[in-house]
Amino acid sequence: MDPYTLAYFAGHSDFGTTRRYVHPNMDTGRAAMERARVPADVVPQTDAPAPTPAASKPS
């Protein structure tokens, strides 16, 4: 659980109170980064040709 959610559920009005009890470590940091990663099949492809502008109509 992220510390801000924990602060909310614990009823802490000041995040400094929660910070006293939260001690991050490398394992939780790695797990958070893995959850934040976007799978390669979700990332939009950029090798498609750019759309051409529509021809303007004479006024």
C-alpha atoms as a PDB file:
ATOM      1  CA  MET A   1       0.000   0.000   0.000  1.00  0.00           C
ATOM      2  CA  ASP A   2       1.360   3.423  -0.838  1.00  0.00           C
ATOM      3  CA  PRO A   3       2.118   5.647   2.170  1.00  0.00           C
ATOM      4  CA  TYR A   4      -0.449   8.306   1.260  1.00  0.00           C
ATOM      5  CA  THR A   5      -3.258   5.751   1.265  1.00  0.00           C
ATOM      6  CA  LEU A   6      -1.936   4.394   4.544  1.00  0.00           C
ATOM      7  CA  ALA A   7      -1.986   7.921   6.026  1.00  0.00           C
ATOM      8  CA  TYR A   8      -5.590   8.333   4.926  1.00  0.00           C
ATOM      9  CA  PHE A   9      -6.735   5.042   6.447  1.00  0.00           C
ATOM     10  CA  ALA A  10      -4.762   5.694   9.634  1.00  0.00           C
ATOM     11  CA  GLY A  11      -6.512   9.054  10.002  1.00  0.00           C
ATOM     12  CA  HIS A  12      -3.284  11.066  10.001  1.00  0.00           C
ATOM     13  CA  SER A  13      -3.946  14.693   9.094  1.00  0.00           C
ATOM     14  CA  ASP A  14      -0.199  15.326   8.733  1.00  0.00           C
ATOM     15  CA  PHE A  15       1.847  13.049   6.462  1.00  0.00           C
ATOM     16  CA  GLY A  16       4.842  13.546   8.764  1.00  0.00           C
ATOM     17  CA  THR A  17       3.105  11.313  11.293  1.00  0.00           C
ATOM     18  CA  THR A  18       2.879   8.478   8.780  1.00  0.00           C
ATOM     19  CA  ARG A  19       6.447   9.085   7.621  1.00  0.00           C
ATOM     20  CA  ARG A  20       7.689   8.157  11.110  1.00  0.00           C
ATOM     21  CA  TYR A  21       6.355   4.638  10.650  1.00  0.00           C
ATOM     22  CA  VAL A  22       7.054   4.017   6.952  1.00  0.00           C
ATOM     23  CA  HIS A  23      10.505   2.695   6.074  1.00  0.00           C
ATOM     24  CA  PRO A  24      10.903   1.958   2.366  1.00  0.00           C
ATOM     25  CA  ASN A  25      13.389  -0.632   1.194  1.00  0.00           C
ATOM     26  CA  MET A  26      14.798  -1.813  -2.119  1.00  0.00           C
ATOM     27  CA  ASP A  27      12.319  -4.699  -2.482  1.00  0.00           C
ATOM     28  CA  THR A  28       9.244  -2.505  -2.143  1.00  0.00           C
ATOM     29  CA  GLY A  29      10.813   0.065  -4.477  1.00  0.00           C
ATOM     30  CA  ARG A  30      11.418  -2.574  -7.151  1.00  0.00           C
ATOM     31  CA  ALA A  31       7.888  -3.919  -6.771  1.00  0.00           C
ATOM     32  CA  ALA A  32       6.473  -0.401  -7.206  1.00  0.00           C
ATOM     33  CA  MET A  33       8.544   0.143 -10.361  1.00  0.00           C
ATOM     34  CA  GLU A  34       7.326  -3.170 -11.814  1.00  0.00           C
ATOM     35  CA  ARG A  35       3.710  -2.182 -11.179  1.00  0.00           C
ATOM     36  CA  ALA A  36       4.342   1.163 -12.897  1.00  0.00           C
ATOM     37  CA  ARG A  37       5.854  -0.375 -16.040  1.00  0.00           C
ATOM     38  CA  VAL A  38       3.765  -0.286 -19.196  1.00  0.00           C
ATOM     39  CA  PRO A  39       3.825  -3.573 -21.145  1.00  0.00           C
ATOM     40  CA  ALA A  40       5.379  -3.258 -24.622  1.00  0.00           C
ATOM     41  CA  ASP A  41       2.139  -4.327 -26.310  1.00  0.00           C
ATOM     42  CA  VAL A  42       0.322  -1.345 -24.741  1.00  0.00           C
ATOM     43  CA  VAL A  43       2.782   1.338 -25.884  1.00  0.00           C
ATOM     44  CA  PRO A  44       1.582   3.007 -29.122  1.00  0.00           C
ATOM     45  CA  GLN A  45       3.637   2.231 -32.201  1.00  0.00           C
ATOM     46  CA  THR A  46       5.493   5.234 -33.621  1.00  0.00           C
ATOM     47  CA  ASP A  47       6.800   3.715 -36.860  1.00  0.00           C
ATOM     48  CA  ALA A  48       3.527   4.382 -38.713  1.00  0.00           C
ATOM     49  CA  PRO A  49       3.657   7.196 -41.288  1.00  0.00           C
ATOM     50  CA  ALA A  50       2.416  10.578 -40.126  1.00  0.00           C
ATOM     51  CA  PRO A  51      -1.022  11.564 -41.463  1.00  0.00           C
ATOM     52  CA  THR A  52      -0.961  13.995 -44.353  1.00  0.00           C
ATOM     53  CA  PRO A  53      -2.825  17.288 -43.929  1.00  0.00           C
ATOM     54  CA  ALA A  54      -6.137  17.596 -45.710  1.00  0.00           C
ATOM     55  CA  ALA A  55      -6.119  19.677 -48.885  1.00  0.00           C
ATOM     56  CA  SER A  56      -7.435  23.143 -48.222  1.00  0.00           C
ATOM     57  CA  LYS A  57     -10.429  24.368 -50.231  1.00  0.00           C
ATOM     58  CA  PRO A  58     -10.036  27.646 -52.133  1.00  0.00           C
ATOM     59  CA  SER A  59     -12.123  30.506 -50.734  1.00  0.00           C
END
